[in-house]
């Protein structure tokens, strides 16, 4: 993997981590759980998928607004986040 790309992915991970730590909503819920006598350990997993877009002869290619379909990998990832895609089988 390209060292610059590896660095950018690391920065993305750090930004996600910082966002969770700075969330007042998450802090509030964690505090409520602790007030009920429980300790909280929060572990999040992020899957980062990269696709080399290269050069396309179609300027609209890859644009969701043009009706480009999701791959099964995309759908599984969205499903894991409990995000439904209109027109796809929810099973």
PDB file of N, CA and C in Angstrom:
ATOM      1  N   UNK A   1       0.850  -1.182   0.000  1.00  0.00           N
ATOM      2  CA  UNK A   1       0.000   0.000   0.000  1.00  0.00           C
ATOM      3  C   UNK A   1       0.890   1.238   0.000  1.00  0.00           C
ATOM      4  N   UNK A   2       0.480   2.205  -0.754  1.00  0.00           N
ATOM      5  CA  UNK A   2       1.162   3.486  -0.850  1.00  0.00           C
ATOM      6  C   UNK A   2       1.303   4.101   0.553  1.00  0.00           C
ATOM      7  N   UNK A   3       2.513   4.541   0.940  1.00  0.00           N
ATOM      8  CA  UNK A   3       2.706   5.129   2.286  1.00  0.00           C
ATOM      9  C   UNK A   3       1.808   6.336   2.539  1.00  0.00           C
ATOM     10  N   UNK A   4       1.591   7.165   1.520  1.00  0.00           N
ATOM     11  CA  UNK A   4       0.718   8.338   1.702  1.00  0.00           C
ATOM     12  C   UNK A   4      -0.719   7.891   1.958  1.00  0.00           C
ATOM     13  N   UNK A   5      -1.174   6.868   1.234  1.00  0.00           N
ATOM     14  CA  UNK A   5      -2.528   6.353   1.433  1.00  0.00           C
ATOM     15  C   UNK A   5      -2.660   5.759   2.833  1.00  0.00           C
ATOM     16  N   UNK A   6      -1.648   5.043   3.265  1.00  0.00           N
ATOM     17  CA  UNK A   6      -1.656   4.461   4.613  1.00  0.00           C
ATOM     18  C   UNK A   6      -1.779   5.575   5.665  1.00  0.00           C
ATOM     19  N   UNK A   7      -1.051   6.663   5.453  1.00  0.00           N
ATOM     20  CA  UNK A   7      -1.115   7.805   6.376  1.00  0.00           C
ATOM     21  C   UNK A   7      -2.515   8.422   6.393  1.00  0.00           C
ATOM     22  N   UNK A   8      -3.117   8.563   5.228  1.00  0.00           N
ATOM     23  CA  UNK A   8      -4.468   9.137   5.150  1.00  0.00           C
ATOM     24  C   UNK A   8      -5.494   8.249   5.854  1.00  0.00           C
ATOM     25  N   UNK A   9      -5.361   6.941   5.692  1.00  0.00           N
ATOM     26  CA  UNK A   9      -6.274   6.012   6.365  1.00  0.00           C
ATOM     27  C   UNK A   9      -6.087   6.113   7.877  1.00  0.00           C
ATOM     28  N   UNK A  10      -4.849   6.225   8.316  1.00  0.00           N
ATOM     29  CA  UNK A  10      -4.566   6.407   9.751  1.00  0.00           C
ATOM     30  C   UNK A  10      -5.226   7.685  10.255  1.00  0.00           C
ATOM     31  N   UNK A  11      -5.119   8.770   9.483  1.00  0.00           N
ATOM     32  CA  UNK A  11      -5.748  10.032   9.873  1.00  0.00           C
ATOM     33  C   UNK A  11      -7.261   9.894   9.958  1.00  0.00           C
ATOM     34  N   UNK A  12      -7.837   9.140   9.041  1.00  0.00           N
ATOM     35  CA  UNK A  12      -9.284   8.915   9.071  1.00  0.00           C
ATOM     36  C   UNK A  12      -9.672   8.171  10.345  1.00  0.00           C
ATOM     37  N   UNK A  13      -8.924   7.141  10.691  1.00  0.00           N
ATOM     38  CA  UNK A  13      -9.190   6.403  11.927  1.00  0.00           C
ATOM     39  C   UNK A  13      -9.098   7.291  13.149  1.00  0.00           C
ATOM     40  N   UNK A  14      -8.099   8.135  13.192  1.00  0.00           N
ATOM     41  CA  UNK A  14      -7.931   9.055  14.314  1.00  0.00           C
ATOM     42  C   UNK A  14      -9.079  10.065  14.378  1.00  0.00           C
ATOM     43  N   UNK A  15      -9.531  10.537  13.225  1.00  0.00           N
ATOM     44  CA  UNK A  15     -10.645  11.494  13.189  1.00  0.00           C
ATOM     45  C   UNK A  15     -11.933  10.847  13.700  1.00  0.00           C
ATOM     46  N   UNK A  16     -12.174   9.596  13.325  1.00  0.00           N
ATOM     47  CA  UNK A  16     -13.357   8.871  13.814  1.00  0.00           C
ATOM     48  C   UNK A  16     -13.253   8.703  15.329  1.00  0.00           C
ATOM     49  N   UNK A  17     -12.090   8.295  15.808  1.00  0.00           N
ATOM     50  CA  UNK A  17     -11.864   8.112  17.240  1.00  0.00           C
ATOM     51  C   UNK A  17     -12.118   9.417  18.002  1.00  0.00           C
ATOM     52  N   UNK A  18     -11.549  10.511  17.512  1.00  0.00           N
ATOM     53  CA  UNK A  18     -11.725  11.808  18.160  1.00  0.00           C
ATOM     54  C   UNK A  18     -13.193  12.238  18.174  1.00  0.00           C
ATOM     55  N   UNK A  19     -13.905  11.961  17.092  1.00  0.00           N
ATOM     56  CA  UNK A  19     -15.322  12.334  17.017  1.00  0.00           C
ATOM     57  C   UNK A  19     -16.138  11.611  18.081  1.00  0.00           C
ATOM     58  N   UNK A  20     -15.836  10.339  18.284  1.00  0.00           N
ATOM     59  CA  UNK A  20     -16.547   9.564  19.307  1.00  0.00           C
ATOM     60  C   UNK A  20     -16.211  10.105  20.695  1.00  0.00           C
ATOM     61  N   UNK A  21     -14.934  10.378  20.940  1.00  0.00           N
ATOM     62  CA  UNK A  21     -14.528  10.884  22.253  1.00  0.00           C
ATOM     63  C   UNK A  21     -15.156  12.235  22.570  1.00  0.00           C
ATOM     64  N   UNK A  22     -15.358  13.066  21.562  1.00  0.00           N
ATOM     65  CA  UNK A  22     -15.873  14.418  21.765  1.00  0.00           C
ATOM     66  C   UNK A  22     -17.394  14.495  21.726  1.00  0.00           C
ATOM     67  N   UNK A  23     -18.063  13.383  21.522  1.00  0.00           N
ATOM     68  CA  UNK A  23     -19.516  13.393  21.405  1.00  0.00           C
ATOM     69  C   UNK A  23     -20.177  13.578  22.772  1.00  0.00           C
ATOM     70  N   UNK A  24     -20.888  14.664  22.929  1.00  0.00           N
ATOM     71  CA  UNK A  24     -21.623  14.906  24.171  1.00  0.00           C
ATOM     72  C   UNK A  24     -22.722  13.868  24.362  1.00  0.00           C
ATOM     73  N   UNK A  25     -23.341  13.442  23.276  1.00  0.00           N
ATOM     74  CA  UNK A  25     -24.412  12.451  23.362  1.00  0.00           C
ATOM     75  C   UNK A  25     -23.871  11.113  23.880  1.00  0.00           C
ATOM     76  N   UNK A  26     -22.741  10.669  23.333  1.00  0.00           N
ATOM     77  CA  UNK A  26     -22.148   9.413  23.791  1.00  0.00           C
ATOM     78  C   UNK A  26     -21.723   9.543  25.249  1.00  0.00           C
ATOM     79  N   UNK A  27     -21.091  10.654  25.607  1.00  0.00           N
ATOM     80  CA  UNK A  27     -20.654  10.864  26.989  1.00  0.00           C
ATOM     81  C   UNK A  27     -21.836  10.825  27.947  1.00  0.00           C
ATOM     82  N   UNK A  28     -22.958  11.401  27.541  1.00  0.00           N
ATOM     83  CA  UNK A  28     -24.143  11.412  28.392  1.00  0.00           C
ATOM     84  C   UNK A  28     -24.708  10.018  28.622  1.00  0.00           C
ATOM     85  N   UNK A  29     -24.774   9.231  27.562  1.00  0.00           N
ATOM     86  CA  UNK A  29     -25.289   7.869  27.694  1.00  0.00           C
ATOM     87  C   UNK A  29     -24.350   7.020  28.545  1.00  0.00           C
ATOM     88  N   UNK A  30     -23.052   7.158  28.333  1.00  0.00           N
ATOM     89  CA  UNK A  30     -22.077   6.420  29.137  1.00  0.00           C
ATOM     90  C   UNK A  30     -22.224   6.805  30.611  1.00  0.00           C
ATOM     91  N   UNK A  31     -22.385   8.065  30.885  1.00  0.00           N
ATOM     92  CA  UNK A  31     -22.569   8.523  32.267  1.00  0.00           C
ATOM     93  C   UNK A  31     -23.830   7.922  32.869  1.00  0.00           C
ATOM     94  N   UNK A  32     -24.919   7.869  32.121  1.00  0.00           N
ATOM     95  CA  UNK A  32     -26.165   7.265  32.619  1.00  0.00           C
ATOM     96  C   UNK A  32     -25.977   5.790  32.942  1.00  0.00           C
ATOM     97  N   UNK A  33     -25.251   5.087  32.104  1.00  0.00           N
ATOM     98  CA  UNK A  33     -24.984   3.668  32.350  1.00  0.00           C
ATOM     99  C   UNK A  33     -24.167   3.509  33.627  1.00  0.00           C
ATOM    100  N   UNK A  34     -23.167   4.355  33.812  1.00  0.00           N
ATOM    101  CA  UNK A  34     -22.334   4.291  35.018  1.00  0.00           C
ATOM    102  C   UNK A  34     -23.149   4.591  36.268  1.00  0.00           C
ATOM    103  N   UNK A  35     -24.108   5.509  36.162  1.00  0.00           N
ATOM    104  CA  UNK A  35     -24.964   5.834  37.302  1.00  0.00           C
ATOM    105  C   UNK A  35     -25.838   4.650  37.698  1.00  0.00           C
ATOM    106  N   UNK A  36     -26.039   3.717  36.782  1.00  0.00           N
ATOM    107  CA  UNK A  36     -26.803   2.507  37.074  1.00  0.00           C
ATOM    108  C   UNK A  36     -25.901   1.369  37.565  1.00  0.00           C
ATOM    109  N   UNK A  37     -24.631   1.690  37.855  1.00  0.00           N
ATOM    110  CA  UNK A  37     -23.741   0.721  38.467  1.00  0.00           C
ATOM    111  C   UNK A  37     -22.944  -0.151  37.512  1.00  0.00           C
ATOM    112  N   UNK A  38     -22.836   0.253  36.271  1.00  0.00           N
ATOM    113  CA  UNK A  38     -22.089  -0.534  35.293  1.00  0.00           C
ATOM    114  C   UNK A  38     -20.908   0.268  34.766  1.00  0.00           C
ATOM    115  N   UNK A  39     -19.825  -0.440  34.472  1.00  0.00           N
ATOM    116  CA  UNK A  39     -18.691   0.185  33.808  1.00  0.00           C
ATOM    117  C   UNK A  39     -18.899  -0.003  32.306  1.00  0.00           C
ATOM    118  N   UNK A  40     -18.401   0.901  31.526  1.00  0.00           N
ATOM    119  CA  UNK A  40     -18.623   0.853  30.084  1.00  0.00           C
ATOM    120  C   UNK A  40     -17.295   0.710  29.362  1.00  0.00           C
ATOM    121  N   UNK A  41     -17.247  -0.241  28.447  1.00  0.00           N
ATOM    122  CA  UNK A  41     -16.120  -0.366  27.540  1.00  0.00           C
ATOM    123  C   UNK A  41     -16.722  -0.290  26.141  1.00  0.00           C
ATOM    124  N   UNK A  42     -16.364   0.713  25.408  1.00  0.00           N
ATOM    125  CA  UNK A  42     -16.910   0.928  24.077  1.00  0.00           C
ATOM    126  C   UNK A  42     -15.868   0.558  23.037  1.00  0.00           C
ATOM    127  N   UNK A  43     -16.224  -0.408  22.191  1.00  0.00           N
ATOM    128  CA  UNK A  43     -15.331  -0.812  21.114  1.00  0.00           C
ATOM    129  C   UNK A  43     -16.094  -0.671  19.805  1.00  0.00           C
ATOM    130  N   UNK A  44     -15.544   0.083  18.908  1.00  0.00           N
ATOM    131  CA  UNK A  44     -16.158   0.283  17.603  1.00  0.00           C
ATOM    132  C   UNK A  44     -15.237  -0.284  16.544  1.00  0.00           C
ATOM    133  N   UNK A  45     -15.847  -0.835  15.522  1.00  0.00           N
ATOM    134  CA  UNK A  45     -15.068  -1.340  14.399  1.00  0.00           C
ATOM    135  C   UNK A  45     -15.494  -0.574  13.159  1.00  0.00           C
ATOM    136  N   UNK A  46     -14.530  -0.066  12.453  1.00  0.00           N
ATOM    137  CA  UNK A  46     -14.810   0.646  11.214  1.00  0.00           C
ATOM    138  C   UNK A  46     -14.164  -0.119  10.072  1.00  0.00           C
ATOM    139  N   UNK A  47     -14.923  -0.335   9.047  1.00  0.00           N
ATOM    140  CA  UNK A  47     -14.387  -0.954   7.852  1.00  0.00           C
ATOM    141  C   UNK A  47     -14.222   0.139   6.812  1.00  0.00           C
ATOM    142  N   UNK A  48     -13.023   0.276   6.320  1.00  0.00           N
ATOM    143  CA  UNK A  48     -12.740   1.293   5.318  1.00  0.00           C
ATOM    144  C   UNK A  48     -12.446   0.575   4.014  1.00  0.00           C
ATOM    145  N   UNK A  49     -13.294   0.786   3.038  1.00  0.00           N
ATOM    146  CA  UNK A  49     -13.106   0.165   1.732  1.00  0.00           C
ATOM    147  C   UNK A  49     -12.613   1.197   0.734  1.00  0.00           C
ATOM    148  N   UNK A  50     -11.636   0.816  -0.034  1.00  0.00           N
ATOM    149  CA  UNK A  50     -11.094   1.720  -1.043  1.00  0.00           C
ATOM    150  C   UNK A  50     -11.258   1.092  -2.417  1.00  0.00           C
ATOM    151  N   UNK A  51     -11.707   1.877  -3.350  1.00  0.00           N
ATOM    152  CA  UNK A  51     -11.800   1.450  -4.735  1.00  0.00           C
ATOM    153  C   UNK A  51     -11.009   2.428  -5.577  1.00  0.00           C
ATOM    154  N   UNK A  52     -10.131   1.915  -6.409  1.00  0.00           N
ATOM    155  CA  UNK A  52      -9.362   2.760  -7.308  1.00  0.00           C
ATOM    156  C   UNK A  52     -10.310   3.221  -8.409  1.00  0.00           C
ATOM    157  N   UNK A  53     -10.618   4.506  -8.428  1.00  0.00           N
ATOM    158  CA  UNK A  53     -11.579   5.013  -9.399  1.00  0.00           C
ATOM    159  C   UNK A  53     -10.972   5.176 -10.776  1.00  0.00           C
ATOM    160  N   UNK A  54      -9.667   5.352 -10.862  1.00  0.00           N
ATOM    161  CA  UNK A  54      -9.016   5.482 -12.166  1.00  0.00           C
ATOM    162  C   UNK A  54      -9.672   6.563 -12.997  1.00  0.00           C
ATOM    163  N   UNK A  55      -9.533   6.428 -14.299  1.00  0.00           N
ATOM    164  CA  UNK A  55     -10.164   7.378 -15.200  1.00  0.00           C
ATOM    165  C   UNK A  55     -11.348   6.715 -15.859  1.00  0.00           C
ATOM    166  N   UNK A  56     -12.434   7.450 -15.973  1.00  0.00           N
ATOM    167  CA  UNK A  56     -13.662   6.920 -16.550  1.00  0.00           C
ATOM    168  C   UNK A  56     -14.029   7.720 -17.788  1.00  0.00           C
ATOM    169  N   UNK A  57     -14.515   7.031 -18.782  1.00  0.00           N
ATOM    170  CA  UNK A  57     -14.954   7.738 -19.980  1.00  0.00           C
ATOM    171  C   UNK A  57     -16.350   8.318 -19.798  1.00  0.00           C
ATOM    172  N   UNK A  58     -17.065   7.860 -18.765  1.00  0.00           N
ATOM    173  CA  UNK A  58     -18.413   8.334 -18.484  1.00  0.00           C
ATOM    174  C   UNK A  58     -18.354   9.279 -17.288  1.00  0.00           C
ATOM    175  N   UNK A  59     -18.607  10.579 -17.477  1.00  0.00           N
ATOM    176  CA  UNK A  59     -18.478  11.538 -16.383  1.00  0.00           C
ATOM    177  C   UNK A  59     -19.466  11.290 -15.253  1.00  0.00           C
ATOM    178  N   UNK A  60     -20.567  10.572 -15.522  1.00  0.00           N
ATOM    179  CA  UNK A  60     -21.554  10.311 -14.478  1.00  0.00           C
ATOM    180  C   UNK A  60     -21.312   8.988 -13.768  1.00  0.00           C
ATOM    181  N   UNK A  61     -20.340   8.210 -14.215  1.00  0.00           N
ATOM    182  CA  UNK A  61     -20.094   6.898 -13.612  1.00  0.00           C
ATOM    183  C   UNK A  61     -19.730   7.053 -12.151  1.00  0.00           C
ATOM    184  N   UNK A  62     -20.328   6.199 -11.316  1.00  0.00           N
ATOM    185  CA  UNK A  62     -20.052   6.240  -9.892  1.00  0.00           C
ATOM    186  C   UNK A  62     -20.925   7.216  -9.135  1.00  0.00           C
ATOM    187  N   UNK A  63     -21.774   7.923  -9.781  1.00  0.00           N
ATOM    188  CA  UNK A  63     -22.639   8.871  -9.118  1.00  0.00           C
ATOM    189  C   UNK A  63     -23.942   8.178  -8.758  1.00  0.00           C
ATOM    190  N   UNK A  64     -24.254   8.100  -7.476  1.00  0.00           N
ATOM    191  CA  UNK A  64     -25.452   7.386  -7.030  1.00  0.00           C
ATOM    192  C   UNK A  64     -26.720   7.992  -7.618  1.00  0.00           C
ATOM    193  N   UNK A  65     -26.708   9.289  -7.880  1.00  0.00           N
ATOM    194  CA  UNK A  65     -27.900   9.949  -8.411  1.00  0.00           C
ATOM    195  C   UNK A  65     -28.231   9.479  -9.821  1.00  0.00           C
ATOM    196  N   UNK A  66     -27.281   8.873 -10.505  1.00  0.00           N
ATOM    197  CA  UNK A  66     -27.530   8.421 -11.869  1.00  0.00           C
ATOM    198  C   UNK A  66     -28.042   6.989 -11.916  1.00  0.00           C
ATOM    199  N   UNK A  67     -28.218   6.356 -10.735  1.00  0.00           N
ATOM    200  CA  UNK A  67     -28.760   5.012 -10.714  1.00  0.00           C
ATOM    201  C   UNK A  67     -27.702   3.930 -10.672  1.00  0.00           C
ATOM    202  N   UNK A  68     -26.467   4.272 -10.400  1.00  0.00           N
ATOM    203  CA  UNK A  68     -25.424   3.268 -10.277  1.00  0.00           C
ATOM    204  C   UNK A  68     -25.786   2.317  -9.151  1.00  0.00           C
ATOM    205  N   UNK A  69     -25.659   1.022  -9.401  1.00  0.00           N
ATOM    206  CA  UNK A  69     -26.045   0.043  -8.401  1.00  0.00           C
ATOM    207  C   UNK A  69     -24.910  -0.221  -7.424  1.00  0.00           C
ATOM    208  N   UNK A  70     -25.284  -0.627  -6.208  1.00  0.00           N
ATOM    209  CA  UNK A  70     -24.315  -0.979  -5.193  1.00  0.00           C
ATOM    210  C   UNK A  70     -23.832  -2.405  -5.420  1.00  0.00           C
ATOM    211  N   UNK A  71     -22.595  -2.672  -5.061  1.00  0.00           N
ATOM    212  CA  UNK A  71     -22.090  -4.038  -5.104  1.00  0.00           C
ATOM    213  C   UNK A  71     -22.629  -4.782  -3.885  1.00  0.00           C
ATOM    214  N   UNK A  72     -22.513  -6.112  -3.885  1.00  0.00           N
ATOM    215  CA  UNK A  72     -22.974  -6.886  -2.730  1.00  0.00           C
ATOM    216  C   UNK A  72     -22.152  -6.507  -1.494  1.00  0.00           C
ATOM    217  N   UNK A  73     -20.882  -6.172  -1.703  1.00  0.00           N
ATOM    218  CA  UNK A  73     -20.038  -5.727  -0.590  1.00  0.00           C
ATOM    219  C   UNK A  73     -20.590  -4.435  -0.004  1.00  0.00           C
ATOM    220  N   UNK A  74     -20.959  -3.496  -0.867  1.00  0.00           N
ATOM    221  CA  UNK A  74     -21.540  -2.225  -0.416  1.00  0.00           C
ATOM    222  C   UNK A  74     -22.814  -2.477   0.389  1.00  0.00           C
ATOM    223  N   UNK A  75     -23.684  -3.334  -0.146  1.00  0.00           N
ATOM    224  CA  UNK A  75     -24.958  -3.609   0.519  1.00  0.00           C
ATOM    225  C   UNK A  75     -24.754  -4.273   1.874  1.00  0.00           C
ATOM    226  N   UNK A  76     -23.799  -5.200   1.958  1.00  0.00           N
ATOM    227  CA  UNK A  76     -23.523  -5.860   3.236  1.00  0.00           C
ATOM    228  C   UNK A  76     -23.003  -4.860   4.256  1.00  0.00           C
ATOM    229  N   UNK A  77     -22.130  -3.957   3.813  1.00  0.00           N
ATOM    230  CA  UNK A  77     -21.603  -2.947   4.716  1.00  0.00           C
ATOM    231  C   UNK A  77     -22.720  -2.035   5.220  1.00  0.00           C
ATOM    232  N   UNK A  78     -23.560  -1.561   4.305  1.00  0.00           N
ATOM    233  CA  UNK A  78     -24.671  -0.697   4.705  1.00  0.00           C
ATOM    234  C   UNK A  78     -25.628  -1.427   5.637  1.00  0.00           C
ATOM    235  N   UNK A  79     -25.888  -2.707   5.346  1.00  0.00           N
ATOM    236  CA  UNK A  79     -26.766  -3.507   6.191  1.00  0.00           C
ATOM    237  C   UNK A  79     -26.184  -3.641   7.594  1.00  0.00           C
ATOM    238  N   UNK A  80     -24.856  -3.795   7.699  1.00  0.00           N
ATOM    239  CA  UNK A  80     -24.218  -3.907   9.011  1.00  0.00           C
ATOM    240  C   UNK A  80     -24.393  -2.632   9.827  1.00  0.00           C
ATOM    241  N   UNK A  81     -24.590  -1.512   9.148  1.00  0.00           N
ATOM    242  CA  UNK A  81     -24.832  -0.234   9.811  1.00  0.00           C
ATOM    243  C   UNK A  81     -26.317   0.035   9.998  1.00  0.00           C
ATOM    244  N   UNK A  82     -27.130  -0.960   9.627  1.00  0.00           N
ATOM    245  CA  UNK A  82     -28.595  -0.861   9.685  1.00  0.00           C
ATOM    246  C   UNK A  82     -29.108   0.272   8.798  1.00  0.00           C
ATOM    247  N   UNK A  83     -28.501   0.374   7.611  1.00  0.00           N
ATOM    248  CA  UNK A  83     -28.933   1.350   6.617  1.00  0.00           C
ATOM    249  C   UNK A  83     -29.573   0.580   5.475  1.00  0.00           C
ATOM    250  N   UNK A  84     -30.835   0.879   5.210  1.00  0.00           N
ATOM    251  CA  UNK A  84     -31.548   0.213   4.131  1.00  0.00           C
ATOM    252  C   UNK A  84     -31.369   0.999   2.844  1.00  0.00           C
ATOM    253  N   UNK A  85     -31.305   0.273   1.747  1.00  0.00           N
ATOM    254  CA  UNK A  85     -31.189   0.896   0.445  1.00  0.00           C
ATOM    255  C   UNK A  85     -32.505   0.683  -0.285  1.00  0.00           C
ATOM    256  N   UNK A  86     -33.103   1.778  -0.691  1.00  0.00           N
ATOM    257  CA  UNK A  86     -34.391   1.714  -1.368  1.00  0.00           C
ATOM    258  C   UNK A  86     -34.285   0.865  -2.631  1.00  0.00           C
ATOM    259  N   UNK A  87     -35.252  -0.054  -2.785  1.00  0.00           N
ATOM    260  CA  UNK A  87     -35.283  -0.885  -3.973  1.00  0.00           C
ATOM    261  C   UNK A  87     -34.488  -2.182  -3.844  1.00  0.00           C
ATOM    262  N   UNK A  88     -33.791  -2.378  -2.724  1.00  0.00           N
ATOM    263  CA  UNK A  88     -33.024  -3.600  -2.496  1.00  0.00           C
ATOM    264  C   UNK A  88     -33.789  -4.502  -1.560  1.00  0.00           C
ATOM    265  N   UNK A  89     -33.597  -5.814  -1.710  1.00  0.00           N
ATOM    266  CA  UNK A  89     -34.232  -6.805  -0.857  1.00  0.00           C
ATOM    267  C   UNK A  89     -33.660  -6.675   0.550  1.00  0.00           C
ATOM    268  N   UNK A  90     -34.504  -6.423   1.567  1.00  0.00           N
ATOM    269  CA  UNK A  90     -33.993  -6.207   2.921  1.00  0.00           C
ATOM    270  C   UNK A  90     -33.514  -7.463   3.636  1.00  0.00           C
ATOM    271  N   UNK A  91     -33.628  -8.634   3.028  1.00  0.00           N
ATOM    272  CA  UNK A  91     -33.252  -9.879   3.718  1.00  0.00           C
ATOM    273  C   UNK A  91     -31.786 -10.046   3.940  1.00  0.00           C
TER     274      UNK A  91
END
